[in-house]
Amino acid sequence: MLLRMTTDTPARLLQLLSLLQTPREWPGGELADRLGVSRRTVRRDIDRLRELGYPVRASKGSDGGYRLVAGKAMPPLVLDDEEAVAIAVGLRAGAGHAVEGVDEASVRALAKLEQVLPARLRHRVSTLQAATTPLTSGDGASIAPETLTVMASAVAGRERLRFAYRDKEGGESRRLTEPHRLVSTGRRWYLVAYDLGREDWRTFRVDRVREPFATGARFAPRELPEGDAAEYLRRSIRRRGQDTYAFEVRFAGALEAVAAHVPEWIGVPEADGDGGCVLRGTSGEPVEWLALRLAMAGCEFTVRGPEELVSCVRQLGARLSRAGRAGD
């Protein structure tokens, strides 16, 4: 179906860009027919898109064709309704669980997308998500995607954030914070923020947060003690003591390879001078979960402690060996 002719250059450029973002080559004549303009106008519009940073490649021939190709930077995307809904639903489904790989960047993308979605599309996204159940999910606590997007927007905009918080004993409180960073541990999301009521830095489990609200009041960023947000969270978990344990693991693989597969919040491996590396840290996660995460590093390793983790790794190894033999 032809798009109606428009003499509005910005609107026509958006129509042209939407067509070019379909992965195919468009003959100049077909683009002219779609837009209801001359081929000369199409050529001028292609030049305008190139000036805006869109890498449009032209091919030679009787009709000539145009294709949008990968460039050095990602220019803005133009999405139709169905594409926008599909992306929002996918990001929301992942953000609802602290699945490793769906980190702060993904949540920021969801916040940006939902901010510009028309009300009718936001309603479609919410309706579709409410009507579906994922086959698999993360094993951490479930989180409303809206909670994460509000927090991510407050972090990016340096806006003070209010919310209700329930601690591990069930106590309720109201907090006013200067949010610094969201950190995913693979099972849970945490907010690292400066608590204005306590006049100190705090970490908050996001699944215990209710009614987050960005106040609109801006703040100048403070310097976080003890390194970056992941390091601060790791030390905060260690300081809580009773629910944590220290561990030490030696990997036979090279430092760079191991570091690429071990999230920083677990710990930072150090070369041992013998071709391998050692990982020391403190965890508040179940030993079963940590054992699985260590196995995902993709190389041989030896657990030096604690004994509970050693025993868990042995049991996991035996279970996997039996499972492998069962298929023979």
C-alpha atoms as a PDB file:
ATOM      1  CA  MET A   1       0.000   0.000   0.000  1.00  0.00           C
ATOM      2  CA  LEU A   2       1.327   3.440  -0.926  1.00  0.00           C
ATOM      3  CA  LEU A   3       1.970   5.999   1.784  1.00  0.00           C
ATOM      4  CA  ARG A   4      -0.034   9.156   1.210  1.00  0.00           C
ATOM      5  CA  MET A   5       1.912  11.940  -0.420  1.00  0.00           C
ATOM      6  CA  THR A   6       3.289  14.540   1.942  1.00  0.00           C
ATOM      7  CA  THR A   7       4.994  17.860   1.334  1.00  0.00           C
ATOM      8  CA  ASP A   8       6.230  17.886   4.959  1.00  0.00           C
ATOM      9  CA  THR A   9       9.941  17.140   4.590  1.00  0.00           C
ATOM     10  CA  PRO A  10      10.545  15.949   8.217  1.00  0.00           C
ATOM     11  CA  ALA A  11       7.543  13.608   8.032  1.00  0.00           C
ATOM     12  CA  ARG A  12       8.685  12.292   4.655  1.00  0.00           C
ATOM     13  CA  LEU A  13      12.209  11.685   5.979  1.00  0.00           C
ATOM     14  CA  LEU A  14      10.764   9.627   8.833  1.00  0.00           C
ATOM     15  CA  GLN A  15       8.717   7.600   6.343  1.00  0.00           C
ATOM     16  CA  LEU A  16      11.803   7.055   4.190  1.00  0.00           C
ATOM     17  CA  LEU A  17      13.900   6.070   7.215  1.00  0.00           C
ATOM     18  CA  SER A  18      11.250   3.603   8.362  1.00  0.00           C
ATOM     19  CA  LEU A  19      11.334   1.928   4.944  1.00  0.00           C
ATOM     20  CA  LEU A  20      15.139   1.806   4.811  1.00  0.00           C
ATOM     21  CA  GLN A  21      15.356   0.165   8.231  1.00  0.00           C
ATOM     22  CA  THR A  22      13.702  -2.895   6.729  1.00  0.00           C
ATOM     23  CA  PRO A  23      16.699  -5.137   5.843  1.00  0.00           C
ATOM     24  CA  ARG A  24      16.492  -5.099   2.038  1.00  0.00           C
ATOM     25  CA  GLU A  25      17.565  -2.990  -0.926  1.00  0.00           C
ATOM     26  CA  TRP A  26      14.986  -0.493  -2.130  1.00  0.00           C
ATOM     27  CA  PRO A  27      14.949   0.548  -5.813  1.00  0.00           C
ATOM     28  CA  GLY A  28      14.727   4.311  -6.173  1.00  0.00           C
ATOM     29  CA  GLY A  29      11.548   4.056  -8.209  1.00  0.00           C
ATOM     30  CA  GLU A  30       9.795   1.984  -5.552  1.00  0.00           C
ATOM     31  CA  LEU A  31      10.760   4.448  -2.831  1.00  0.00           C
ATOM     32  CA  ALA A  32       9.444   7.307  -4.981  1.00  0.00           C
ATOM     33  CA  ASP A  33       6.125   5.479  -5.461  1.00  0.00           C
ATOM     34  CA  ARG A  34       5.861   4.689  -1.741  1.00  0.00           C
ATOM     35  CA  LEU A  35       6.465   8.280  -0.746  1.00  0.00           C
ATOM     36  CA  GLY A  36       4.487   9.852  -3.587  1.00  0.00           C
ATOM     37  CA  VAL A  37       7.413  11.990  -4.735  1.00  0.00           C
ATOM     38  CA  SER A  38       9.868  12.115  -7.631  1.00  0.00           C
ATOM     39  CA  ARG A  39      13.076  10.088  -7.780  1.00  0.00           C
ATOM     40  CA  ARG A  40      15.007  13.342  -7.618  1.00  0.00           C
ATOM     41  CA  THR A  41      13.321  14.135  -4.301  1.00  0.00           C
ATOM     42  CA  VAL A  42      14.234  10.666  -3.046  1.00  0.00           C
ATOM     43  CA  ARG A  43      17.888  11.323  -3.913  1.00  0.00           C
ATOM     44  CA  ARG A  44      17.806  14.634  -2.032  1.00  0.00           C
ATOM     45  CA  ASP A  45      16.188  12.975   0.977  1.00  0.00           C
ATOM     46  CA  ILE A  46      18.827  10.227   0.954  1.00  0.00           C
ATOM     47  CA  ASP A  47      21.499  12.941   1.062  1.00  0.00           C
ATOM     48  CA  ARG A  48      19.746  14.554   4.046  1.00  0.00           C
ATOM     49  CA  LEU A  49      19.738  11.237   5.917  1.00  0.00           C
ATOM     50  CA  ARG A  50      23.450  10.830   5.250  1.00  0.00           C
ATOM     51  CA  GLU A  51      24.060  14.318   6.656  1.00  0.00           C
ATOM     52  CA  LEU A  52      22.209  13.216   9.802  1.00  0.00           C
ATOM     53  CA  GLY A  53      24.562  10.281  10.202  1.00  0.00           C
ATOM     54  CA  TYR A  54      22.578   7.448   8.611  1.00  0.00           C
ATOM     55  CA  PRO A  55      24.899   5.287   6.456  1.00  0.00           C
ATOM     56  CA  VAL A  56      22.829   4.753   3.292  1.00  0.00           C
ATOM     57  CA  ARG A  57      24.580   2.855   0.523  1.00  0.00           C
ATOM     58  CA  ALA A  58      23.521   3.372  -3.097  1.00  0.00           C
ATOM     59  CA  SER A  59      23.918   0.720  -5.796  1.00  0.00           C
ATOM     60  CA  LYS A  60      24.385   1.386  -9.478  1.00  0.00           C
ATOM     61  CA  GLY A  61      21.989   0.178 -12.121  1.00  0.00           C
ATOM     62  CA  SER A  62      19.116   1.186 -14.359  1.00  0.00           C
ATOM     63  CA  ASP A  63      16.921   2.009 -11.389  1.00  0.00           C
ATOM     64  CA  GLY A  64      19.488   2.335  -8.613  1.00  0.00           C
ATOM     65  CA  GLY A  65      18.906   0.963  -5.147  1.00  0.00           C
ATOM     66  CA  TYR A  66      19.400   2.070  -1.568  1.00  0.00           C
ATOM     67  CA  ARG A  67      20.174   0.105   1.573  1.00  0.00           C
ATOM     68  CA  LEU A  68      20.812   1.170   5.165  1.00  0.00           C
ATOM     69  CA  VAL A  69      24.085  -0.407   6.344  1.00  0.00           C
ATOM     70  CA  ALA A  70      25.939  -0.650   9.630  1.00  0.00           C
ATOM     71  CA  GLY A  71      27.942   2.438  10.526  1.00  0.00           C
ATOM     72  CA  LYS A  72      30.419   3.513  13.191  1.00  0.00           C
ATOM     73  CA  ALA A  73      27.648   4.778  15.491  1.00  0.00           C
ATOM     74  CA  MET A  74      24.018   3.794  15.941  1.00  0.00           C
ATOM     75  CA  PRO A  75      21.652   6.507  14.735  1.00  0.00           C
ATOM     76  CA  PRO A  76      18.084   6.693  16.106  1.00  0.00           C
ATOM     77  CA  LEU A  77      15.729   3.885  15.124  1.00  0.00           C
ATOM     78  CA  VAL A  78      12.246   4.308  13.732  1.00  0.00           C
ATOM     79  CA  LEU A  79       9.900   1.534  14.899  1.00  0.00           C
ATOM     80  CA  ASP A  80       6.363   0.753  13.851  1.00  0.00           C
ATOM     81  CA  ASP A  81       3.736  -0.096  16.489  1.00  0.00           C
ATOM     82  CA  GLU A  82       4.243  -3.869  16.381  1.00  0.00           C
ATOM     83  CA  GLU A  83       8.041  -3.589  16.597  1.00  0.00           C
ATOM     84  CA  ALA A  84       7.894  -1.184  19.555  1.00  0.00           C
ATOM     85  CA  VAL A  85       5.471  -3.439  21.432  1.00  0.00           C
ATOM     86  CA  ALA A  86       7.584  -6.544  20.746  1.00  0.00           C
ATOM     87  CA  ILE A  87      10.767  -4.895  22.038  1.00  0.00           C
ATOM     88  CA  ALA A  88       9.063  -3.477  25.140  1.00  0.00           C
ATOM     89  CA  VAL A  89       7.482  -6.837  26.013  1.00  0.00           C
ATOM     90  CA  GLY A  90      10.828  -8.616  25.607  1.00  0.00           C
ATOM     91  CA  LEU A  91      12.692  -6.106  27.769  1.00  0.00           C
ATOM     92  CA  ARG A  92       9.965  -6.149  30.420  1.00  0.00           C
ATOM     93  CA  ALA A  93       9.959  -9.948  30.594  1.00  0.00           C
ATOM     94  CA  GLY A  94      13.703 -10.005  31.150  1.00  0.00           C
ATOM     95  CA  ALA A  95      13.756  -7.086  33.550  1.00  0.00           C
ATOM     96  CA  GLY A  96      11.156  -8.688  35.816  1.00  0.00           C
ATOM     97  CA  HIS A  97      13.790 -11.185  36.978  1.00  0.00           C
ATOM     98  CA  ALA A  98      17.429 -10.503  37.787  1.00  0.00           C
ATOM     99  CA  VAL A  99      18.637 -12.633  34.893  1.00  0.00           C
ATOM    100  CA  GLU A 100      22.357 -12.260  34.334  1.00  0.00           C
ATOM    101  CA  GLY A 101      22.982 -10.423  31.090  1.00  0.00           C
ATOM    102  CA  VAL A 102      19.919  -8.221  31.554  1.00  0.00           C
ATOM    103  CA  ASP A 103      21.822  -5.524  33.391  1.00  0.00           C
ATOM    104  CA  GLU A 104      21.448  -1.809  33.919  1.00  0.00           C
ATOM    105  CA  ALA A 105      21.913  -0.983  30.232  1.00  0.00           C
ATOM    106  CA  SER A 106      18.887  -3.120  29.330  1.00  0.00           C
ATOM    107  CA  VAL A 107      16.788  -1.477  32.012  1.00  0.00           C
ATOM    108  CA  ARG A 108      17.836   1.975  30.763  1.00  0.00           C
ATOM    109  CA  ALA A 109      16.755   0.958  27.258  1.00  0.00           C
ATOM    110  CA  LEU A 110      13.358  -0.123  28.593  1.00  0.00           C
ATOM    111  CA  ALA A 111      12.983   3.161  30.495  1.00  0.00           C
ATOM    112  CA  LYS A 112      13.745   5.187  27.360  1.00  0.00           C
ATOM    113  CA  LEU A 113      11.359   3.159  25.210  1.00  0.00           C
ATOM    114  CA  GLU A 114       8.441   3.294  27.643  1.00  0.00           C
ATOM    115  CA  GLN A 115       8.944   7.029  28.100  1.00  0.00           C
ATOM    116  CA  VAL A 116       8.162   7.682  24.432  1.00  0.00           C
ATOM    117  CA  LEU A 117       5.527   4.995  23.867  1.00  0.00           C
ATOM    118  CA  PRO A 118       2.044   6.429  23.217  1.00  0.00           C
ATOM    119  CA  ALA A 119      -0.566   5.543  25.858  1.00  0.00           C
ATOM    120  CA  ARG A 120      -2.295   3.096  23.502  1.00  0.00           C
ATOM    121  CA  LEU A 121       0.942   1.140  23.001  1.00  0.00           C
ATOM    122  CA  ARG A 122       1.795   1.148  26.720  1.00  0.00           C
ATOM    123  CA  HIS A 123      -1.633  -0.369  27.315  1.00  0.00           C
ATOM    124  CA  ARG A 124      -0.970  -3.054  24.694  1.00  0.00           C
ATOM    125  CA  VAL A 125       2.383  -3.899  26.277  1.00  0.00           C
ATOM    126  CA  SER A 126       0.870  -4.218  29.763  1.00  0.00           C
ATOM    127  CA  THR A 127      -2.077  -6.275  28.508  1.00  0.00           C
ATOM    128  CA  LEU A 128       0.131  -8.668  26.547  1.00  0.00           C
ATOM    129  CA  GLN A 129       2.546  -9.188  29.411  1.00  0.00           C
ATOM    130  CA  ALA A 130      -0.287  -9.774  31.889  1.00  0.00           C
ATOM    131  CA  ALA A 131      -1.796 -12.406  29.594  1.00  0.00           C
ATOM    132  CA  THR A 132       1.395 -14.438  29.142  1.00  0.00           C
ATOM    133  CA  THR A 133       3.471 -16.618  31.426  1.00  0.00           C
ATOM    134  CA  PRO A 134       7.164 -17.279  30.651  1.00  0.00           C
ATOM    135  CA  LEU A 135       8.235 -20.915  30.421  1.00  0.00           C
ATOM    136  CA  THR A 136      11.379 -20.154  32.383  1.00  0.00           C
ATOM    137  CA  SER A 137      12.438 -17.352  34.677  1.00  0.00           C
ATOM    138  CA  GLY A 138      15.233 -16.348  36.984  1.00  0.00           C
ATOM    139  CA  ASP A 139      15.370 -18.013  40.396  1.00  0.00           C
ATOM    140  CA  GLY A 140      15.473 -14.700  42.231  1.00  0.00           C
ATOM    141  CA  ALA A 141      12.567 -12.638  43.480  1.00  0.00           C
ATOM    142  CA  SER A 142      10.214 -11.235  40.843  1.00  0.00           C
ATOM    143  CA  ILE A 143      10.268  -7.459  40.297  1.00  0.00           C
ATOM    144  CA  ALA A 144       7.742  -5.234  38.564  1.00  0.00           C
ATOM    145  CA  PRO A 145       9.423  -3.787  35.449  1.00  0.00           C
ATOM    146  CA  GLU A 146       7.950  -0.380  36.290  1.00  0.00           C
ATOM    147  CA  THR A 147       9.984  -0.371  39.511  1.00  0.00           C
ATOM    148  CA  LEU A 148      13.221  -0.865  37.598  1.00  0.00           C
ATOM    149  CA  THR A 149      12.410   1.694  34.918  1.00  0.00           C
ATOM    150  CA  VAL A 150      11.541   4.384  37.484  1.00  0.00           C
ATOM    151  CA  MET A 151      14.810   3.691  39.314  1.00  0.00           C
ATOM    152  CA  ALA A 152      16.879   3.604  36.127  1.00  0.00           C
ATOM    153  CA  SER A 153      15.419   6.921  34.986  1.00  0.00           C
ATOM    154  CA  ALA A 154      16.189   8.491  38.384  1.00  0.00           C
ATOM    155  CA  VAL A 155      19.785   7.200  38.209  1.00  0.00           C
ATOM    156  CA  ALA A 156      20.284   8.528  34.685  1.00  0.00           C
ATOM    157  CA  GLY A 157      18.600  11.863  35.431  1.00  0.00           C
ATOM    158  CA  ARG A 158      20.262  12.308  38.863  1.00  0.00           C
ATOM    159  CA  GLU A 159      16.868  12.805  40.481  1.00  0.00           C
ATOM    160  CA  ARG A 160      16.170  12.126  44.127  1.00  0.00           C
ATOM    161  CA  LEU A 161      14.111   8.981  44.610  1.00  0.00           C
ATOM    162  CA  ARG A 162      11.472   8.254  47.257  1.00  0.00           C
ATOM    163  CA  PHE A 163      10.204   4.753  48.029  1.00  0.00           C
ATOM    164  CA  ALA A 164       8.837   2.483  50.705  1.00  0.00           C
ATOM    165  CA  TYR A 165      11.245  -0.217  51.869  1.00  0.00           C
ATOM    166  CA  ARG A 166      10.831  -3.470  53.763  1.00  0.00           C
ATOM    167  CA  ASP A 167      13.937  -4.829  55.485  1.00  0.00           C
ATOM    168  CA  LYS A 168      14.719  -8.525  56.031  1.00  0.00           C
ATOM    169  CA  GLU A 169      12.956  -8.488  59.419  1.00  0.00           C
ATOM    170  CA  GLY A 170       9.802  -7.125  57.785  1.00  0.00           C
ATOM    171  CA  GLY A 171      10.172  -3.570  59.121  1.00  0.00           C
ATOM    172  CA  GLU A 172       8.690  -0.851  56.900  1.00  0.00           C
ATOM    173  CA  SER A 173      10.218   2.581  56.314  1.00  0.00           C
ATOM    174  CA  ARG A 174      10.103   5.474  53.865  1.00  0.00           C
ATOM    175  CA  ARG A 175      13.372   6.466  52.205  1.00  0.00           C
ATOM    176  CA  LEU A 176      14.573   9.545  50.350  1.00  0.00           C
ATOM    177  CA  THR A 177      17.731   8.779  48.385  1.00  0.00           C
ATOM    178  CA  GLU A 178      20.153   9.994  45.774  1.00  0.00           C
ATOM    179  CA  PRO A 179      20.331   6.899  43.518  1.00  0.00           C
ATOM    180  CA  HIS A 180      23.792   6.046  42.228  1.00  0.00           C
ATOM    181  CA  ARG A 181      23.559   2.745  40.342  1.00  0.00           C
ATOM    182  CA  LEU A 182      21.483  -0.392  39.825  1.00  0.00           C
ATOM    183  CA  VAL A 183      23.491  -3.622  40.168  1.00  0.00           C
ATOM    184  CA  SER A 184      22.367  -7.108  39.133  1.00  0.00           C
ATOM    185  CA  THR A 185      23.921 -10.088  40.928  1.00  0.00           C
ATOM    186  CA  GLY A 186      22.364 -12.609  38.557  1.00  0.00           C
ATOM    187  CA  ARG A 187      19.591 -13.505  41.018  1.00  0.00           C
ATOM    188  CA  ARG A 188      18.665 -10.124  42.448  1.00  0.00           C
ATOM    189  CA  TRP A 189      18.713  -6.418  41.662  1.00  0.00           C
ATOM    190  CA  TYR A 190      20.188  -3.955  44.152  1.00  0.00           C
ATOM    191  CA  LEU A 191      20.077  -0.169  44.274  1.00  0.00           C
ATOM    192  CA  VAL A 192      23.211   1.571  45.532  1.00  0.00           C
ATOM    193  CA  ALA A 193      22.180   5.003  46.803  1.00  0.00           C
ATOM    194  CA  TYR A 194      22.962   7.741  49.295  1.00  0.00           C
ATOM    195  CA  ASP A 195      20.239   7.673  51.977  1.00  0.00           C
ATOM    196  CA  LEU A 196      19.494  11.289  52.930  1.00  0.00           C
ATOM    197  CA  GLY A 197      17.639  10.275  56.109  1.00  0.00           C
ATOM    198  CA  ARG A 198      20.564   8.141  57.366  1.00  0.00           C
ATOM    199  CA  GLU A 199      23.168  10.492  55.882  1.00  0.00           C
ATOM    200  CA  ASP A 200      25.139   7.546  54.550  1.00  0.00           C
ATOM    201  CA  TRP A 201      25.438   5.174  51.609  1.00  0.00           C
ATOM    202  CA  ARG A 202      23.094   2.167  51.558  1.00  0.00           C
ATOM    203  CA  THR A 203      22.239  -0.819  49.372  1.00  0.00           C
ATOM    204  CA  PHE A 204      18.596  -1.767  48.839  1.00  0.00           C
ATOM    205  CA  ARG A 205      17.197  -5.013  47.468  1.00  0.00           C
ATOM    206  CA  VAL A 206      14.894  -3.878  44.691  1.00  0.00           C
ATOM    207  CA  ASP A 207      12.377  -6.678  45.306  1.00  0.00           C
ATOM    208  CA  ARG A 208      11.759  -5.089  48.720  1.00  0.00           C
ATOM    209  CA  VAL A 209      11.066  -1.646  47.247  1.00  0.00           C
ATOM    210  CA  ARG A 210       7.515  -0.370  46.823  1.00  0.00           C
ATOM    211  CA  GLU A 211       6.071   2.769  45.246  1.00  0.00           C
ATOM    212  CA  PRO A 212       9.303   4.292  43.893  1.00  0.00           C
ATOM    213  CA  PHE A 213       8.847   7.915  42.876  1.00  0.00           C
ATOM    214  CA  ALA A 214      11.324  10.240  41.181  1.00  0.00           C
ATOM    215  CA  THR A 215      10.837  13.612  42.889  1.00  0.00           C
ATOM    216  CA  GLY A 216      12.221  15.737  40.068  1.00  0.00           C
ATOM    217  CA  ALA A 217      14.732  17.334  42.460  1.00  0.00           C
ATOM    218  CA  ARG A 218      18.216  17.144  40.936  1.00  0.00           C
ATOM    219  CA  PHE A 219      21.392  16.454  42.884  1.00  0.00           C
ATOM    220  CA  ALA A 220      25.116  16.698  42.326  1.00  0.00           C
ATOM    221  CA  PRO A 221      26.653  13.204  42.298  1.00  0.00           C
ATOM    222  CA  ARG A 222      28.599  12.189  45.383  1.00  0.00           C
ATOM    223  CA  GLU A 223      31.794  10.160  45.343  1.00  0.00           C
ATOM    224  CA  LEU A 224      31.024   6.551  46.193  1.00  0.00           C
ATOM    225  CA  PRO A 225      33.399   5.100  48.817  1.00  0.00           C
ATOM    226  CA  GLU A 226      35.184   1.790  48.233  1.00  0.00           C
ATOM    227  CA  GLY A 227      35.382   1.847  44.462  1.00  0.00           C
ATOM    228  CA  ASP A 228      32.558   1.296  42.019  1.00  0.00           C
ATOM    229  CA  ALA A 229      28.981   0.180  42.726  1.00  0.00           C
ATOM    230  CA  ALA A 230      29.717  -3.543  42.285  1.00  0.00           C
ATOM    231  CA  GLU A 231      32.631  -3.365  44.723  1.00  0.00           C
ATOM    232  CA  TYR A 232      30.580  -1.373  47.219  1.00  0.00           C
ATOM    233  CA  LEU A 233      27.756  -3.929  47.031  1.00  0.00           C
ATOM    234  CA  ARG A 234      30.182  -6.819  47.502  1.00  0.00           C
ATOM    235  CA  ARG A 235      31.679  -5.208  50.606  1.00  0.00           C
ATOM    236  CA  SER A 236      28.247  -4.284  51.919  1.00  0.00           C
ATOM    237  CA  ILE A 237      27.116  -7.899  51.672  1.00  0.00           C
ATOM    238  CA  ARG A 238      30.310  -8.980  53.446  1.00  0.00           C
ATOM    239  CA  ARG A 239      29.728  -6.511  56.292  1.00  0.00           C
ATOM    240  CA  ARG A 240      26.291  -7.962  56.958  1.00  0.00           C
ATOM    241  CA  GLY A 241      28.159 -11.022  58.152  1.00  0.00           C
ATOM    242  CA  GLN A 242      25.712 -13.644  59.358  1.00  0.00           C
ATOM    243  CA  ASP A 243      24.185 -14.397  55.962  1.00  0.00           C
ATOM    244  CA  THR A 244      27.494 -14.502  54.097  1.00  0.00           C
ATOM    245  CA  TYR A 245      30.512 -16.756  53.708  1.00  0.00           C
ATOM    246  CA  ALA A 246      34.009 -16.258  52.358  1.00  0.00           C
ATOM    247  CA  PHE A 247      35.247 -18.477  49.551  1.00  0.00           C
ATOM    248  CA  GLU A 248      38.441 -19.124  47.607  1.00  0.00           C
ATOM    249  CA  VAL A 249      38.681 -20.820  44.224  1.00  0.00           C
ATOM    250  CA  ARG A 250      41.655 -21.515  41.963  1.00  0.00           C
ATOM    251  CA  PHE A 251      41.053 -21.654  38.201  1.00  0.00           C
ATOM    252  CA  ALA A 252      43.412 -23.424  35.811  1.00  0.00           C
ATOM    253  CA  GLY A 253      42.538 -20.934  33.056  1.00  0.00           C
ATOM    254  CA  ALA A 254      44.222 -17.659  32.192  1.00  0.00           C
ATOM    255  CA  LEU A 255      43.198 -14.573  34.123  1.00  0.00           C
ATOM    256  CA  GLU A 256      41.619 -12.788  31.139  1.00  0.00           C
ATOM    257  CA  ALA A 257      39.497 -15.788  30.154  1.00  0.00           C
ATOM    258  CA  VAL A 258      38.215 -16.357  33.689  1.00  0.00           C
ATOM    259  CA  ALA A 259      37.522 -12.663  34.315  1.00  0.00           C
ATOM    260  CA  ALA A 260      35.402 -12.542  31.155  1.00  0.00           C
ATOM    261  CA  HIS A 261      33.075 -15.227  32.562  1.00  0.00           C
ATOM    262  CA  VAL A 262      32.910 -14.237  36.235  1.00  0.00           C
ATOM    263  CA  PRO A 263      30.737 -11.210  37.114  1.00  0.00           C
ATOM    264  CA  GLU A 264      32.623  -8.496  39.005  1.00  0.00           C
ATOM    265  CA  TRP A 265      30.111  -8.531  41.865  1.00  0.00           C
ATOM    266  CA  ILE A 266      31.262 -12.091  42.751  1.00  0.00           C
ATOM    267  CA  GLY A 267      34.906 -11.063  42.868  1.00  0.00           C
ATOM    268  CA  VAL A 268      37.904 -10.114  40.762  1.00  0.00           C
ATOM    269  CA  PRO A 269      40.346 -12.972  40.033  1.00  0.00           C
ATOM    270  CA  GLU A 270      44.070 -12.432  40.482  1.00  0.00           C
ATOM    271  CA  ALA A 271      46.869 -14.183  38.598  1.00  0.00           C
ATOM    272  CA  ASP A 272      48.731 -16.727  40.750  1.00  0.00           C
ATOM    273  CA  GLY A 273      51.978 -16.763  38.751  1.00  0.00           C
ATOM    274  CA  ASP A 274      51.482 -20.397  37.745  1.00  0.00           C
ATOM    275  CA  GLY A 275      49.363 -19.928  34.623  1.00  0.00           C
ATOM    276  CA  GLY A 276      46.116 -19.827  36.558  1.00  0.00           C
ATOM    277  CA  CYS A 277      44.281 -17.390  38.798  1.00  0.00           C
ATOM    278  CA  VAL A 278      42.630 -17.252  42.201  1.00  0.00           C
ATOM    279  CA  LEU A 279      39.218 -15.839  43.017  1.00  0.00           C
ATOM    280  CA  ARG A 280      38.483 -14.755  46.582  1.00  0.00           C
ATOM    281  CA  GLY A 281      35.239 -13.202  47.679  1.00  0.00           C
ATOM    282  CA  THR A 282      32.281 -13.119  49.999  1.00  0.00           C
ATOM    283  CA  SER A 283      28.828 -14.248  48.937  1.00  0.00           C
ATOM    284  CA  GLY A 284      25.369 -14.082  50.404  1.00  0.00           C
ATOM    285  CA  GLU A 285      23.952 -16.428  47.774  1.00  0.00           C
ATOM    286  CA  PRO A 286      23.208 -20.134  48.349  1.00  0.00           C
ATOM    287  CA  VAL A 287      26.287 -22.329  47.823  1.00  0.00           C
ATOM    288  CA  GLU A 288      24.363 -24.308  45.179  1.00  0.00           C
ATOM    289  CA  TRP A 289      23.938 -21.196  43.083  1.00  0.00           C
ATOM    290  CA  LEU A 290      27.583 -20.166  43.452  1.00  0.00           C
ATOM    291  CA  ALA A 291      28.721 -23.684  42.502  1.00  0.00           C
ATOM    292  CA  LEU A 292      26.748 -23.477  39.262  1.00  0.00           C
ATOM    293  CA  ARG A 293      28.097 -20.004  38.540  1.00  0.00           C
ATOM    294  CA  LEU A 294      31.702 -21.143  39.023  1.00  0.00           C
ATOM    295  CA  ALA A 295      31.131 -24.104  36.708  1.00  0.00           C
ATOM    296  CA  MET A 296      30.019 -21.670  33.997  1.00  0.00           C
ATOM    297  CA  ALA A 297      33.516 -20.129  33.898  1.00  0.00           C
ATOM    298  CA  GLY A 298      34.404 -22.762  31.311  1.00  0.00           C
ATOM    299  CA  CYS A 299      37.658 -24.135  32.747  1.00  0.00           C
ATOM    300  CA  GLU A 300      38.961 -26.463  35.458  1.00  0.00           C
ATOM    301  CA  PHE A 301      38.796 -25.102  38.986  1.00  0.00           C
ATOM    302  CA  THR A 302      39.440 -26.190  42.559  1.00  0.00           C
ATOM    303  CA  VAL A 303      37.446 -24.923  45.522  1.00  0.00           C
ATOM    304  CA  ARG A 304      39.681 -24.256  48.524  1.00  0.00           C
ATOM    305  CA  GLY A 305      36.862 -23.278  50.860  1.00  0.00           C
ATOM    306  CA  PRO A 306      34.487 -23.185  52.554  1.00  0.00           C
ATOM    307  CA  GLU A 307      33.759 -26.866  53.112  1.00  0.00           C
ATOM    308  CA  GLU A 308      30.066 -26.387  52.293  1.00  0.00           C
ATOM    309  CA  LEU A 309      30.986 -25.132  48.828  1.00  0.00           C
ATOM    310  CA  VAL A 310      33.520 -27.941  48.337  1.00  0.00           C
ATOM    311  CA  SER A 311      30.862 -30.526  49.196  1.00  0.00           C
ATOM    312  CA  CYS A 312      28.296 -28.858  46.952  1.00  0.00           C
ATOM    313  CA  VAL A 313      30.666 -28.842  43.959  1.00  0.00           C
ATOM    314  CA  ARG A 314      31.430 -32.544  44.485  1.00  0.00           C
ATOM    315  CA  GLN A 315      27.742 -33.407  44.605  1.00  0.00           C
ATOM    316  CA  LEU A 316      27.050 -31.292  41.524  1.00  0.00           C
ATOM    317  CA  GLY A 317      29.895 -32.955  39.617  1.00  0.00           C
ATOM    318  CA  ALA A 318      28.681 -36.450  40.542  1.00  0.00           C
ATOM    319  CA  ARG A 319      25.127 -35.588  39.546  1.00  0.00           C
ATOM    320  CA  LEU A 320      26.209 -34.248  36.163  1.00  0.00           C
ATOM    321  CA  SER A 321      28.425 -37.303  35.560  1.00  0.00           C
ATOM    322  CA  ARG A 322      25.484 -39.627  36.249  1.00  0.00           C
ATOM    323  CA  ALA A 323      23.298 -37.589  33.941  1.00  0.00           C
ATOM    324  CA  GLY A 324      25.899 -37.871  31.169  1.00  0.00           C
ATOM    325  CA  ARG A 325      26.234 -41.651  31.581  1.00  0.00           C
ATOM    326  CA  ALA A 326      22.467 -42.083  31.476  1.00  0.00           C
ATOM    327  CA  GLY A 327      22.475 -41.055  27.845  1.00  0.00           C
ATOM    328  CA  ASP A 328      25.013 -43.755  26.791  1.00  0.00           C
END
